[in-house]
Amino acid sequence: MTQMTHLSRRGFLRGTGATLAAAPWLIPAAALAQEATPAASARITMGFIGVGGMGRGNLGAFMGFNEVQVVAVCDVDAKSAAAAREDVEKHYAAAKASGEWKGCAAYGDFRELLARDDIDAVCVATPDHWHALIAIAAAKSGKDVYCEKPMSLTIREARAMATAVRRYGRVFQTGSQQRSSPEFRFACEMVRSGRIGKLITINANVGGPSGDCYLPAEAVPAGMDWDLWLGPAPYRPFHSSIHPFNWRAFRDYSGGGMTDWGAHHFDIAQWGLNMDESGPLEILPPDGKDRPKLTYVYANGVTLTHGGGSDGVLFTGSDGKIEVNRGHLKTWPDDLMKTPTQPGEVHLYNSRDHRGNFLDCIRSRQRPVCDVEIGCRSVTVCHLGNLAYWLKRPLRWDPVKEELIGDAEASRWLDRPRRAPWCLA
């Protein structure tokens, strides 16, 4: 791997913070200023695996950091890979007197990218069913990983990812970027500091589960490696309703809205609950009677419900409520949020930029704000909810052993069969 000079975390991340008034979660733009371009020996070389949609967005965002040098992109769709390489070359060419720059390789197979020893870190933004295999392979190859949410397709995959990251000593940031948004951090600090009294319930407003796919066959587009796109998933013919954007609707590739937005809002619920290394004990599907919503029950008696009724995440306590979403924070009573977190109250991990936090931790070798264990536990909540919906019955969960209790059929859903030659190693 490239040798990098050890640099301290950026000043704006360790600073004391600006004076906060009635809306203490707002960040002055000056706090996000970039540093001067570091020497080549101090740059972080990155490769990007999956560069359509969110992957292309991540590529552009990481190129905005002066300390990052993008050297490779990869996608099973040759058009996406070529477009991403063009983005990279245009970006770096703009800083050259000649107006030209070549130095980004484009691959169709992630294994070729991971085989390079001059890449420090990778960003994985493939469909969900590929996250685990690629992230584990990246960790084995000595690369740090920024992995889009949801972290995995199954519960067992998430645990395997966490095990590999720890075994190989890698930095892993889950792309649940709300952990780096000040309104979410402040909301969870208020909850955990007791500003709404004893926490009673939480509601997370996210979409529902994925389902089966029965789409007819269509011709595979030119330049598309459909067999590799499927990878470990069961074989089925190509259909344009799956690739490039709607694969989240189908169970072979994703958990639907439960894992898509659930990886954001259930993650915040876990943070507010102080459950980053644990989870619920019971998962109860709607019964059409006394329980209109999917409900999780935690050991401390708090219940977490899924569905409408809130804008984002709603924490309800004995003395008040806090509702939080992107760019939205509301409290009952109103003045709950008018005082910044005080000495003696709970102060949570303060990351002001999710990708920047990942880069800082590559240097410091500290764990980022949404470390692999956090991502593992949060996506487990999402997957457990899906299992309760799919099986239409209550489930009991042991968050220490990470096992379903007394339900052999449900336990088979903790992982999935994989199409040869792919396996979870």
Foldseek 3Di string as FASTA:
>chain_A
DQAADFDAADCLQPDPADDAFQFRLDHDPVSVDADPQDDPSHAAEEEEEDCPDVSVVVLVVVLVHSRYQYQEYEALQVVRQVVSQVVNQQSVLVPDPVSGDDGYYYYHDVVVVLPDPVHAAYEYDAFQACQLVSLLSNLVSNHAYEYEFLRHLFLVSLVLNQVSCVVSLHAYFYNLCVLQRSQLQQLLLLLQQQLQHAWAEKEFAWDAFAAADDDAADDDDPSHPVCVSCAFFDDDHDDVCCPPPNVCNHSSGHGHRLGNCLLHQLLSVCSSVVNLQFAFFKWFQADVPPRNFTWTAHPVGYIYTYHDDADGMWIHHPRWIWGDDVVDIQIVVRSSSRDGNDPVTDRANHHNGRVSQSVSCSSVSDHGSCTSSSSSHSSNNSVQNSLCVVVVGMWGADGVVRATPPDVVSRVRNDDGTDPPDDSD
